[in-house]
C-alpha atoms as a PDB file:
ATOM      1  CA  MET A   1      17.095 -42.238  43.298  1.00  0.00           C
ATOM      2  CA  GLY A   2      18.994 -45.754  43.519  1.00  0.00           C
ATOM      3  CA  PHE A   3      17.577 -45.889  47.157  1.00  0.00           C
ATOM      4  CA  LEU A   4      13.942 -45.478  45.704  1.00  0.00           C
ATOM      5  CA  VAL A   5      14.674 -48.166  43.009  1.00  0.00           C
ATOM      6  CA  GLY A   6      16.302 -50.708  45.552  1.00  0.00           C
ATOM      7  CA  ARG A   7      13.363 -50.200  47.758  1.00  0.00           C
ATOM      8  CA  THR A   8      10.857 -50.781  44.943  1.00  0.00           C
ATOM      9  CA  VAL A   9      12.561 -53.972  43.825  1.00  0.00           C
ATOM     10  CA  THR A  10      12.715 -55.248  47.395  1.00  0.00           C
ATOM     11  CA  GLU A  11       8.959 -54.712  48.056  1.00  0.00           C
ATOM     12  CA  MET A  12       8.146 -56.201  44.636  1.00  0.00           C
ATOM     13  CA  ALA A  13       9.969 -59.426  45.928  1.00  0.00           C
ATOM     14  CA  SER A  14       8.553 -59.404  48.971  1.00  0.00           C
ATOM     15  CA  ASN A  15       5.137 -59.191  47.595  1.00  0.00           C
ATOM     16  CA  ARG A  16       5.756 -61.960  45.358  1.00  0.00           C
ATOM     17  CA  ILE A  17       7.315 -64.386  47.766  1.00  0.00           C
ATOM     18  CA  ASN A  18       3.953 -63.282  50.181  1.00  0.00           C
ATOM     19  CA  ARG A  19       1.908 -64.320  47.297  1.00  0.00           C
ATOM     20  CA  ILE A  20       3.621 -67.688  46.960  1.00  0.00           C
ATOM     21  CA  ASP A  21       2.986 -68.257  50.658  1.00  0.00           C
ATOM     22  CA  ASP A  22      -0.631 -67.599  50.285  1.00  0.00           C
ATOM     23  CA  LYS A  23      -0.810 -69.998  47.549  1.00  0.00           C
ATOM     24  CA  ARG A  24       0.994 -72.741  49.518  1.00  0.00           C
ATOM     25  CA  ALA A  25      -0.983 -72.017  52.683  1.00  0.00           C
ATOM     26  CA  GLU A  26      -4.141 -72.236  50.374  1.00  0.00           C
ATOM     27  CA  HIS A  27      -2.584 -75.657  48.984  1.00  0.00           C
ATOM     28  CA  ASP A  28      -1.851 -76.848  52.231  1.00  0.00           C
ATOM     29  CA  ASP A  29      -5.325 -76.311  53.532  1.00  0.00           C
ATOM     30  CA  LYS A  30      -7.289 -78.026  50.552  1.00  0.00           C
ATOM     31  CA  TYR A  31      -4.779 -80.695  51.247  1.00  0.00           C
ATOM     32  CA  LEU A  32      -5.801 -81.055  54.919  1.00  0.00           C
ATOM     33  CA  SER A  33      -9.325 -80.761  54.224  1.00  0.00           C
ATOM     34  CA  LYS A  34      -9.127 -83.372  51.554  1.00  0.00           C
ATOM     35  CA  SER A  35      -7.213 -85.869  54.091  1.00  0.00           C
ATOM     36  CA  TRP A  36      -9.636 -85.067  56.699  1.00  0.00           C
ATOM     37  CA  GLN A  37     -12.681 -85.860  54.611  1.00  0.00           C
ATOM     38  CA  SER A  38     -11.085 -88.908  53.315  1.00  0.00           C
ATOM     39  CA  ALA A  39     -10.443 -90.057  56.894  1.00  0.00           C
ATOM     40  CA  LEU A  40     -14.091 -89.150  57.969  1.00  0.00           C
ATOM     41  CA  VAL A  41     -15.267 -91.325  55.091  1.00  0.00           C
ATOM     42  CA  THR A  42     -13.161 -94.380  55.940  1.00  0.00           C
ATOM     43  CA  LEU A  43     -14.579 -93.990  59.521  1.00  0.00           C
ATOM     44  CA  VAL A  44     -17.783 -93.775  58.489  1.00  0.00           C
ATOM     45  CA  LEU A  45     -17.511 -96.747  56.131  1.00  0.00           C
ATOM     46  CA  LEU A  46     -15.822 -98.924  58.800  1.00  0.00           C
ATOM     47  CA  PHE A  47     -18.543 -98.003  61.397  1.00  0.00           C
ATOM     48  CA  ILE A  48     -21.208 -99.051  58.824  1.00  0.00           C
ATOM     49  CA  ILE A  49     -19.553-102.058  57.970  1.00  0.00           C
ATOM     50  CA  GLY A  50     -18.981-102.843  61.420  1.00  0.00           C
ATOM     51  CA  PHE A  51     -22.585-102.114  62.561  1.00  0.00           C
ATOM     52  CA  PHE A  52     -24.100-104.320  60.152  1.00  0.00           C
ATOM     53  CA  THR A  53     -21.647-107.219  60.745  1.00  0.00           C
ATOM     54  CA  MET A  54     -22.447-107.001  64.606  1.00  0.00           C
ATOM     55  CA  GLN A  55     -26.238-106.898  63.284  1.00  0.00           C
ATOM     56  CA  THR A  56     -25.789-110.017  61.368  1.00  0.00           C
ATOM     57  CA  ILE A  57     -23.721-111.904  63.849  1.00  0.00           C
ATOM     58  CA  GLY A  58     -26.302-110.928  66.631  1.00  0.00           C
ATOM     59  CA  LYS A  59     -29.030-112.335  64.630  1.00  0.00           C
ATOM     60  CA  SER A  60     -27.261-115.445  63.756  1.00  0.00           C
ATOM     61  CA  PRO A  61     -28.615-118.715  65.175  1.00  0.00           C
ATOM     62  CA  ALA A  62     -27.133-120.465  68.035  1.00  0.00           C
ATOM     63  CA  LYS A  63     -24.633-123.577  66.902  1.00  0.00           C
ATOM     64  CA  PRO A  64     -23.642-126.299  69.174  1.00  0.00           C
ATOM     65  CA  ILE A  65     -19.789-126.589  69.978  1.00  0.00           C
ATOM     66  CA  TYR A  66     -17.573-127.892  67.274  1.00  0.00           C
ATOM     67  CA  ILE A  67     -15.404-130.522  68.064  1.00  0.00           C
ATOM     68  CA  MET A  68     -11.870-130.769  66.276  1.00  0.00           C
ATOM     69  CA  SER A  69     -11.469-134.384  66.408  1.00  0.00           C
ATOM     70  CA  SER A  70      -8.929-135.637  63.735  1.00  0.00           C
ATOM     71  CA  ASN A  71      -6.509-136.679  66.594  1.00  0.00           C
ATOM     72  CA  LEU A  72      -8.859-138.354  68.633  1.00  0.00           C
ATOM     73  CA  ASN A  73     -10.096-141.892  68.520  1.00  0.00           C
ATOM     74  CA  ALA A  74     -13.815-142.750  68.652  1.00  0.00           C
ATOM     75  CA  PHE A  75     -13.875-143.398  72.598  1.00  0.00           C
ATOM     76  CA  GLU A  76     -12.136-139.867  72.991  1.00  0.00           C
ATOM     77  CA  ARG A  77     -14.441-138.320  70.463  1.00  0.00           C
ATOM     78  CA  GLN A  78     -17.486-139.803  72.437  1.00  0.00           C
ATOM     79  CA  SER A  79     -16.320-138.587  75.708  1.00  0.00           C
ATOM     80  CA  LEU A  80     -15.515-135.217  74.510  1.00  0.00           C
ATOM     81  CA  THR A  81     -19.168-135.061  72.694  1.00  0.00           C
ATOM     82  CA  GLY A  82     -20.497-136.122  76.198  1.00  0.00           C
ATOM     83  CA  ALA A  83     -18.841-133.246  77.981  1.00  0.00           C
ATOM     84  CA  VAL A  84     -19.910-130.539  75.633  1.00  0.00           C
ATOM     85  CA  LEU A  85     -23.455-131.744  74.649  1.00  0.00           C
ATOM     86  CA  PRO A  86     -24.950-130.466  78.103  1.00  0.00           C
ATOM     87  CA  LEU A  87     -23.685-127.255  77.707  1.00  0.00           C
ATOM     88  CA  GLY A  88     -25.871-126.501  74.700  1.00  0.00           C
ATOM     89  CA  ASP A  89     -25.814-124.337  71.713  1.00  0.00           C
ATOM     90  CA  PHE A  90     -24.374-120.842  71.597  1.00  0.00           C
ATOM     91  CA  PRO A  91     -24.539-117.728  69.398  1.00  0.00           C
ATOM     92  CA  PHE A  92     -21.348-116.529  68.064  1.00  0.00           C
ATOM     93  CA  PHE A  93     -20.608-114.004  71.224  1.00  0.00           C
ATOM     94  CA  GLY A  94     -22.389-116.420  73.524  1.00  0.00           C
ATOM     95  CA  GLY A  95     -20.979-118.677  75.893  1.00  0.00           C
ATOM     96  CA  ASN A  96     -18.050-118.567  78.691  1.00  0.00           C
ATOM     97  CA  LEU A  97     -14.992-119.675  76.994  1.00  0.00           C
ATOM     98  CA  HIS A  98     -13.125-120.024  80.190  1.00  0.00           C
ATOM     99  CA  GLN A  99     -15.942-122.116  81.542  1.00  0.00           C
ATOM    100  CA  ILE A 100     -16.047-124.306  78.832  1.00  0.00           C
ATOM    101  CA  HIS A 101     -12.394-124.915  78.818  1.00  0.00           C
ATOM    102  CA  ASP A 102     -12.902-126.033  82.609  1.00  0.00           C
ATOM    103  CA  GLU A 103     -15.373-128.400  81.562  1.00  0.00           C
ATOM    104  CA  LEU A 104     -13.021-129.836  79.374  1.00  0.00           C
ATOM    105  CA  MET A 105     -10.297-130.159  81.550  1.00  0.00           C
ATOM    106  CA  LYS A 106     -12.591-132.082  84.060  1.00  0.00           C
ATOM    107  CA  LEU A 107     -12.025-135.229  81.623  1.00  0.00           C
ATOM    108  CA  SER A 108      -8.600-136.767  83.111  1.00  0.00           C
ATOM    109  CA  TRP A 109      -7.526-138.125  79.917  1.00  0.00           C
ATOM    110  CA  VAL A 110      -7.159-134.345  78.574  1.00  0.00           C
ATOM    111  CA  GLU A 111      -3.779-133.214  78.771  1.00  0.00           C
ATOM    112  CA  TYR A 112      -4.535-129.578  76.891  1.00  0.00           C
ATOM    113  CA  ALA A 113      -7.639-127.965  75.732  1.00  0.00           C
ATOM    114  CA  LYS A 114      -8.166-125.080  73.382  1.00  0.00           C
ATOM    115  CA  VAL A 115     -11.407-122.991  72.893  1.00  0.00           C
ATOM    116  CA  LYS A 116     -11.680-120.307  70.381  1.00  0.00           C
ATOM    117  CA  ARG A 117     -14.408-118.418  68.281  1.00  0.00           C
ATOM    118  CA  ASP A 118     -14.644-119.145  64.486  1.00  0.00           C
ATOM    119  CA  TRP A 119     -16.616-116.840  62.134  1.00  0.00           C
ATOM    120  CA  HIS A 120     -18.081-120.074  60.325  1.00  0.00           C
ATOM    121  CA  ARG A 121     -18.369-122.768  62.836  1.00  0.00           C
ATOM    122  CA  GLY A 122     -19.088-120.819  66.093  1.00  0.00           C
ATOM    123  CA  ILE A 123     -17.128-122.009  69.227  1.00  0.00           C
ATOM    124  CA  VAL A 124     -14.589-124.538  68.552  1.00  0.00           C
ATOM    125  CA  VAL A 125     -12.922-126.976  70.868  1.00  0.00           C
ATOM    126  CA  GLU A 126      -9.667-128.876  70.407  1.00  0.00           C
ATOM    127  CA  VAL A 127      -8.090-131.304  72.918  1.00  0.00           C
ATOM    128  CA  VAL A 128      -4.878-133.139  73.267  1.00  0.00           C
ATOM    129  CA  PRO A 129      -5.108-136.647  74.678  1.00  0.00           C
ATOM    130  CA  ARG A 130      -2.498-137.740  77.354  1.00  0.00           C
ATOM    131  CA  LYS A 131       0.099-140.514  76.186  1.00  0.00           C
ATOM    132  CA  PRO A 132       0.611-143.021  78.729  1.00  0.00           C
ATOM    133  CA  ILE A 133       4.059-144.558  79.816  1.00  0.00           C
ATOM    134  CA  ALA A 134       2.827-146.964  82.372  1.00  0.00           C
ATOM    135  CA  ASN A 135      -0.152-148.784  83.772  1.00  0.00           C
ATOM    136  CA  PHE A 136      -0.659-147.354  87.437  1.00  0.00           C
ATOM    137  CA  GLY A 137      -2.244-150.145  89.092  1.00  0.00           C
ATOM    138  CA  SER A 138      -5.353-151.930  87.320  1.00  0.00           C
ATOM    139  CA  GLN A 139      -7.570-148.918  86.809  1.00  0.00           C
ATOM    140  CA  ASP A 140      -5.286-146.094  85.674  1.00  0.00           C
ATOM    141  CA  LEU A 141      -2.688-144.988  83.541  1.00  0.00           C
ATOM    142  CA  LEU A 142       0.514-142.548  84.094  1.00  0.00           C
ATOM    143  CA  ASP A 143       1.719-140.081  81.605  1.00  0.00           C
ATOM    144  CA  ALA A 144       5.464-138.674  81.176  1.00  0.00           C
ATOM    145  CA  ASN A 145       4.449-135.527  83.395  1.00  0.00           C
ATOM    146  CA  GLY A 146       3.547-137.883  86.521  1.00  0.00           C
ATOM    147  CA  VAL A 147      -0.033-137.418  85.875  1.00  0.00           C
ATOM    148  CA  VAL A 148      -2.404-140.376  86.890  1.00  0.00           C
ATOM    149  CA  PHE A 149      -5.384-140.553  84.661  1.00  0.00           C
ATOM    150  CA  LYS A 150      -8.248-142.841  83.322  1.00  0.00           C
ATOM    151  CA  PRO A 151      -8.290-143.245  79.574  1.00  0.00           C
ATOM    152  CA  ALA A 152     -11.611-142.751  77.412  1.00  0.00           C
ATOM    153  CA  ASN A 153     -11.338-146.230  76.419  1.00  0.00           C
ATOM    154  CA  THR A 154     -11.069-148.819  79.452  1.00  0.00           C
ATOM    155  CA  SER A 155      -9.725-151.530  77.106  1.00  0.00           C
ATOM    156  CA  GLU A 156      -6.292-149.458  77.321  1.00  0.00           C
ATOM    157  CA  LEU A 157      -6.054-150.263  81.060  1.00  0.00           C
ATOM    158  CA  MET A 158      -3.214-153.014  81.909  1.00  0.00           C
ATOM    159  CA  ASN A 159      -1.641-152.632  78.595  1.00  0.00           C
ATOM    160  CA  GLU A 160       0.894-155.531  78.103  1.00  0.00           C
ATOM    161  CA  ASP A 161       3.268-153.112  76.214  1.00  0.00           C
ATOM    162  CA  LEU A 162       3.633-150.802  79.206  1.00  0.00           C
ATOM    163  CA  VAL A 163       5.504-151.097  82.374  1.00  0.00           C
ATOM    164  CA  THR A 164       3.037-151.616  85.497  1.00  0.00           C
ATOM    165  CA  VAL A 165       3.663-149.459  88.661  1.00  0.00           C
ATOM    166  CA  HIS A 166       1.829-150.031  91.858  1.00  0.00           C
ATOM    167  CA  GLY A 167       1.843-147.437  94.888  1.00  0.00           C
ATOM    168  CA  SER A 168      -0.085-144.555  96.171  1.00  0.00           C
ATOM    169  CA  VAL A 169      -0.787-141.351  93.937  1.00  0.00           C
ATOM    170  CA  ALA A 170       1.080-139.163  96.436  1.00  0.00           C
ATOM    171  CA  HIS A 171       4.374-141.018  95.602  1.00  0.00           C
ATOM    172  CA  VAL A 172       3.930-141.169  92.001  1.00  0.00           C
ATOM    173  CA  ASN A 173       6.915-138.785  91.287  1.00  0.00           C
ATOM    174  CA  ALA A 174       9.242-141.052  93.740  1.00  0.00           C
ATOM    175  CA  ILE A 175       7.784-144.106  91.585  1.00  0.00           C
ATOM    176  CA  MET A 176       8.527-142.474  88.298  1.00  0.00           C
ATOM    177  CA  HIS A 177      12.166-141.714  89.326  1.00  0.00           C
ATOM    178  CA  LYS A 178      13.018-144.968  90.793  1.00  0.00           C
ATOM    179  CA  MET A 179      11.555-146.583  87.428  1.00  0.00           C
ATOM    180  CA  ARG A 180      14.165-144.446  85.428  1.00  0.00           C
ATOM    181  CA  TYR A 181      17.244-144.951  87.941  1.00  0.00           C
ATOM    182  CA  VAL A 182      16.520-148.899  87.651  1.00  0.00           C
ATOM    183  CA  ASN A 183      16.051-149.104  83.794  1.00  0.00           C
ATOM    184  CA  GLU A 184      19.274-146.737  83.517  1.00  0.00           C
ATOM    185  CA  ARG A 185      21.561-148.906  85.974  1.00  0.00           C
ATOM    186  CA  PHE A 186      20.577-152.306  84.590  1.00  0.00           C
ATOM    187  CA  ALA A 187      20.297-151.593  81.000  1.00  0.00           C
ATOM    188  CA  PRO A 188      24.060-152.538  80.385  1.00  0.00           C
ATOM    189  CA  LEU A 189      22.863-155.954  81.788  1.00  0.00           C
ATOM    190  CA  GLY A 190      20.019-156.382  79.449  1.00  0.00           C
ATOM    191  CA  LEU A 191      17.245-155.861  82.075  1.00  0.00           C
ATOM    192  CA  THR A 192      14.362-153.231  81.860  1.00  0.00           C
ATOM    193  CA  VAL A 193      11.830-153.110  84.261  1.00  0.00           C
ATOM    194  CA  ASN A 194       8.282-154.814  83.775  1.00  0.00           C
ATOM    195  CA  ASP A 195       6.612-154.313  87.110  1.00  0.00           C
ATOM    196  CA  LEU A 196       7.552-152.009  89.996  1.00  0.00           C
ATOM    197  CA  ILE A 197       5.709-151.840  93.502  1.00  0.00           C
ATOM    198  CA  LEU A 198       6.241-149.356  96.169  1.00  0.00           C
ATOM    199  CA  THR A 199       4.241-151.080  99.147  1.00  0.00           C
ATOM    200  CA  SER A 200       2.767-149.213 102.179  1.00  0.00           C
ATOM    201  CA  ARG A 201       5.985-150.064 104.253  1.00  0.00           C
ATOM    202  CA  ASN A 202       8.095-148.417 101.566  1.00  0.00           C
ATOM    203  CA  THR A 203       9.784-151.644 100.268  1.00  0.00           C
ATOM    204  CA  TRP A 204      10.409-151.693  96.504  1.00  0.00           C
ATOM    205  CA  ILE A 205       9.694-154.727  94.744  1.00  0.00           C
ATOM    206  CA  ILE A 206      10.908-154.783  90.980  1.00  0.00           C
ATOM    207  CA  ARG A 207      10.584-157.403  88.727  1.00  0.00           C
ATOM    208  CA  PHE A 208      12.288-157.325  85.385  1.00  0.00           C
ATOM    209  CA  HIS A 209      10.956-158.569  81.688  1.00  0.00           C
ATOM    210  CA  ASN A 210      12.996-161.620  82.235  1.00  0.00           C
ATOM    211  CA  GLY A 211      11.298-162.467  85.484  1.00  0.00           C
ATOM    212  CA  LEU A 212      14.162-161.661  87.777  1.00  0.00           C
ATOM    213  CA  ARG A 213      12.632-160.212  90.864  1.00  0.00           C
ATOM    214  CA  VAL A 214      14.558-157.770  93.294  1.00  0.00           C
ATOM    215  CA  VAL A 215      13.183-156.656  96.586  1.00  0.00           C
ATOM    216  CA  VAL A 216      14.935-153.560  98.451  1.00  0.00           C
ATOM    217  CA  ASP A 217      13.927-151.322 101.322  1.00  0.00           C
ATOM    218  CA  ASP A 218      13.975-147.569 101.552  1.00  0.00           C
ATOM    219  CA  GLU A 219      17.238-147.297 103.669  1.00  0.00           C
ATOM    220  CA  ASN A 220      20.110-146.432 101.041  1.00  0.00           C
ATOM    221  CA  THR A 221      17.969-147.540  98.167  1.00  0.00           C
ATOM    222  CA  GLU A 222      19.796-146.446  95.398  1.00  0.00           C
ATOM    223  CA  GLN A 223      23.135-147.049  96.549  1.00  0.00           C
ATOM    224  CA  LYS A 224      22.150-150.913  97.079  1.00  0.00           C
ATOM    225  CA  LEU A 225      20.749-151.226  93.692  1.00  0.00           C
ATOM    226  CA  TYR A 226      23.957-149.564  92.071  1.00  0.00           C
ATOM    227  CA  HIS A 227      25.892-152.212  94.035  1.00  0.00           C
ATOM    228  CA  LEU A 228      23.842-155.049  92.716  1.00  0.00           C
ATOM    229  CA  ALA A 229      24.150-153.973  89.340  1.00  0.00           C
ATOM    230  CA  VAL A 230      28.012-153.579  89.544  1.00  0.00           C
ATOM    231  CA  VAL A 231      28.134-156.958  91.163  1.00  0.00           C
ATOM    232  CA  LEU A 232      25.951-158.660  88.812  1.00  0.00           C
ATOM    233  CA  LYS A 233      28.102-157.163  85.771  1.00  0.00           C
ATOM    234  CA  GLU A 234      31.584-158.441  87.197  1.00  0.00           C
ATOM    235  CA  ARG A 235      30.425-161.725  88.780  1.00  0.00           C
ATOM    236  CA  PHE A 236      27.252-163.156  87.646  1.00  0.00           C
ATOM    237  CA  ALA A 237      26.753-161.695  84.035  1.00  0.00           C
ATOM    238  CA  ASN A 238      26.313-165.130  82.273  1.00  0.00           C
ATOM    239  CA  ARG A 239      23.955-166.549  85.198  1.00  0.00           C
ATOM    240  CA  ILE A 240      21.416-163.891  85.582  1.00  0.00           C
ATOM    241  CA  HIS A 241      18.847-166.062  83.556  1.00  0.00           C
ATOM    242  CA  GLU A 242      19.249-168.511  86.370  1.00  0.00           C
ATOM    243  CA  MET A 243      18.220-166.163  89.243  1.00  0.00           C
ATOM    244  CA  GLN A 244      14.870-166.164  90.454  1.00  0.00           C
ATOM    245  CA  SER A 245      15.204-163.034  93.139  1.00  0.00           C
ATOM    246  CA  VAL A 246      17.476-161.269  94.862  1.00  0.00           C
ATOM    247  CA  ASP A 247      16.921-159.641  98.217  1.00  0.00           C
ATOM    248  CA  LEU A 248      18.544-156.469  98.928  1.00  0.00           C
ATOM    249  CA  ARG A 249      17.245-155.892 102.594  1.00  0.00           C
ATOM    250  CA  TYR A 250      20.486-156.454 104.527  1.00  0.00           C
ATOM    251  CA  LYS A 251      22.840-153.692 105.656  1.00  0.00           C
ATOM    252  CA  ASN A 252      25.858-155.680 104.037  1.00  0.00           C
ATOM    253  CA  GLY A 253      25.575-157.599 100.975  1.00  0.00           C
ATOM    254  CA  PHE A 254      22.601-159.224  99.486  1.00  0.00           C
ATOM    255  CA  SER A 255      20.951-163.079  98.976  1.00  0.00           C
ATOM    256  CA  ILE A 256      20.042-164.577  95.803  1.00  0.00           C
ATOM    257  CA  ALA A 257      17.526-167.128  95.289  1.00  0.00           C
ATOM    258  CA  TRP A 258      18.399-169.480  92.051  1.00  0.00           C
ATOM    259  CA  GLN A 259      15.827-170.976  89.956  1.00  0.00           C
ATOM    260  CA  ASP A 260      15.066-174.837  90.728  1.00  0.00           C
ATOM    261  CA  LYS A 261      16.518-176.796  87.556  1.00  0.00           C
ATOM    262  CA  ARG A 262      14.375-179.727  88.011  1.00  0.00           C
END
């Protein structure tokens, strides 16, 4: 009898657990069904929105390339406009951005160019102009990266506020290095480079802002310049303004030409 009662109680408990599990399974099925329905509705809405958006964009009229020019002067804006105008107008997804970028970089005064698509303005371009640190001859400028370029405004050539360097474009890195070296060595004497020339015979001609001219060949050039700076500081510091030129094209020592006081 006790065994039957225990078995009955066990069966009742088991049946109750089974009913609970059935309810949980039914609840989980309903929850999963609602989740799938919500996800499906979301996907359909996204598809519809995307479809109509693409249709709207596809039917939008072609627009000219928009130029962001707040950092450009009038000559640079005119030059940039002249570069993009022949490319024509484009719908939002029209135009090859890489090709447009390449066209912008053909302008030698452009250091960096960015081309992107904008929902409202269409294709947008933005450029950063090069900043000159020296005149390179009389027809070009030189930036801090050693790039020789032509400015959008030719009146910027032969800027009196900049150092003027002369030489072959192939030797531009050597010219920049020499200019920095000379300025570093002679700065304690109050001398800065005004003109620097590298001739076809690899002779360096340096003219300082005070008019002093130094000529040195390509044999132990920096050693000779260093020695000159030391000697001028130790022996001629008070007479530098009287010097007209210094010739370092000697194996031992150098010659000084003094200004005519008459």
